[in-house]
Amino acid sequence: MDSTIRDTTEGCLLRMRVIPRSSRNQVVGFENGVLKVKVQAPPVDGAANEAVLRFLAEWLNRPKNCLALLKGEQSRHKLVRVTGLKAAEVLELLAKQKLKGR
């Protein structure tokens, strides 16, 4: 999991695989070394990228401007910077969500 999420001086970086056009927005968990995230938006005109950032901001309880898409604008594989949260905090949130059954 170290390459999936790592700390930086500003917060952390998340490597993820995004599945657009899903039935609902959800964090699936770690799969094949990346965080798998599903969003309802289609991959058209940046809609899926916007949906990923909006959903992650809500999921991580951060303002949307704390997230930035660094790589993968036209790919399912993305690199997102989260300002103000450390990797351990993101992992803790993921564990809590899994316990809730989300």
Protein backbone atom coordinates (compact mmCIF):
# COMPACT_ATOMS: atom_id res chain seq x y z
CA MET A 1 0.00 0.00 0.00
CA ASP A 2 2.93 2.41 0.37
CA SER A 3 2.96 3.33 -3.29
CA THR A 4 -0.83 3.84 -3.27
CA ILE A 5 -0.78 6.56 -0.64
CA ARG A 6 2.20 8.46 0.64
CA ASP A 7 2.87 11.51 2.74
CA THR A 8 4.20 14.77 1.36
CA THR A 9 5.06 18.02 3.10
CA GLU A 10 1.58 19.43 2.30
CA GLY A 11 -0.47 16.29 2.97
CA CYS A 12 -0.53 13.11 0.91
CA LEU A 13 -0.70 11.69 -2.60
CA LEU A 14 -3.27 9.06 -3.61
CA ARG A 15 -2.87 6.76 -6.60
CA MET A 16 -6.24 5.54 -7.76
CA ARG A 17 -8.16 3.80 -10.49
CA VAL A 18 -11.47 5.44 -11.31
CA ILE A 19 -14.44 3.54 -12.71
CA PRO A 20 -16.84 6.01 -14.38
CA ARG A 21 -20.53 5.40 -15.14
CA SER A 22 -21.03 3.33 -11.99
CA SER A 23 -24.36 2.87 -10.27
CA ARG A 24 -23.18 4.96 -7.32
CA ASN A 25 -20.21 6.93 -6.03
CA GLN A 26 -18.10 4.83 -3.69
CA VAL A 27 -14.60 4.00 -2.51
CA VAL A 28 -14.23 0.29 -3.17
CA GLY A 29 -10.89 -0.18 -1.40
CA PHE A 30 -7.39 -1.16 -2.44
CA GLU A 31 -7.05 -3.34 -5.51
CA ASN A 32 -3.88 -4.15 -7.48
CA GLY A 33 -1.86 -1.55 -5.59
CA VAL A 34 -4.21 1.41 -6.07
CA LEU A 35 -7.31 2.85 -4.42
CA LYS A 36 -10.36 1.93 -6.51
CA VAL A 37 -13.07 4.60 -6.70
CA LYS A 38 -16.37 4.42 -8.58
CA VAL A 39 -18.26 7.50 -9.76
CA GLN A 40 -21.57 7.88 -11.55
CA ALA A 41 -20.36 10.56 -13.95
CA PRO A 42 -19.34 9.63 -17.50
CA PRO A 43 -15.77 10.25 -18.71
CA VAL A 44 -16.88 13.12 -20.93
CA ASP A 45 -15.57 16.72 -20.84
CA GLY A 46 -13.89 16.19 -17.45
CA ALA A 47 -17.14 15.21 -15.72
CA ALA A 48 -15.65 12.08 -14.14
CA ASN A 49 -12.58 14.00 -12.91
CA GLU A 50 -14.80 16.64 -11.34
CA ALA A 51 -16.99 13.94 -9.77
CA VAL A 52 -13.94 12.16 -8.31
CA LEU A 53 -12.61 15.33 -6.68
CA ARG A 54 -16.06 16.34 -5.37
CA PHE A 55 -16.74 12.84 -4.02
CA LEU A 56 -13.29 12.49 -2.40
CA ALA A 57 -13.63 15.92 -0.79
CA GLU A 58 -16.93 14.86 0.75
CA TRP A 59 -15.62 11.43 1.74
CA LEU A 60 -12.49 12.90 3.36
CA ASN A 61 -14.47 15.78 4.92
CA ARG A 62 -12.22 18.38 3.26
CA PRO A 63 -13.02 21.41 1.11
CA LYS A 64 -12.76 20.60 -2.60
CA ASN A 65 -9.93 23.10 -3.00
CA CYS A 66 -7.78 20.83 -0.78
CA LEU A 67 -7.71 18.24 -3.60
CA ALA A 68 -5.89 18.51 -6.90
CA LEU A 69 -5.67 16.14 -9.84
CA LEU A 70 -1.95 15.94 -10.64
CA LYS A 71 -1.92 13.18 -13.27
CA GLY A 72 -4.40 11.17 -15.27
CA GLU A 73 -6.76 13.77 -16.65
CA GLN A 74 -7.66 11.47 -19.56
CA SER A 75 -6.96 8.14 -17.89
CA ARG A 76 -8.65 5.90 -15.36
CA HIS A 77 -5.38 5.90 -13.40
CA LYS A 78 -5.04 9.14 -11.46
CA LEU A 79 -2.76 10.82 -8.95
CA VAL A 80 -4.53 13.16 -6.52
CA ARG A 81 -2.92 15.43 -3.94
CA VAL A 82 -4.84 15.88 -0.68
CA THR A 83 -3.67 18.91 1.29
CA GLY A 84 -3.99 18.83 5.06
CA LEU A 85 -4.36 15.06 5.60
CA LYS A 86 -1.63 12.51 6.20
CA ALA A 87 -1.69 9.03 4.68
CA ALA A 88 -2.51 7.44 8.04
CA GLU A 89 -5.60 9.64 8.38
CA VAL A 90 -6.84 8.65 4.92
CA LEU A 91 -6.29 4.97 5.74
CA GLU A 92 -8.21 5.44 9.01
CA LEU A 93 -11.14 7.00 7.14
CA LEU A 94 -11.13 4.11 4.70
CA ALA A 95 -11.23 1.61 7.57
CA LYS A 96 -14.16 3.48 9.17
CA GLN A 97 -16.08 3.48 5.89
CA LYS A 98 -15.53 -0.26 5.50
CA LEU A 99 -16.92 -0.83 9.00
CA LYS A 100 -20.04 1.17 8.09
CA GLY A 101 -20.48 -1.00 5.02
CA ARG A 102 -20.30 1.86 2.54
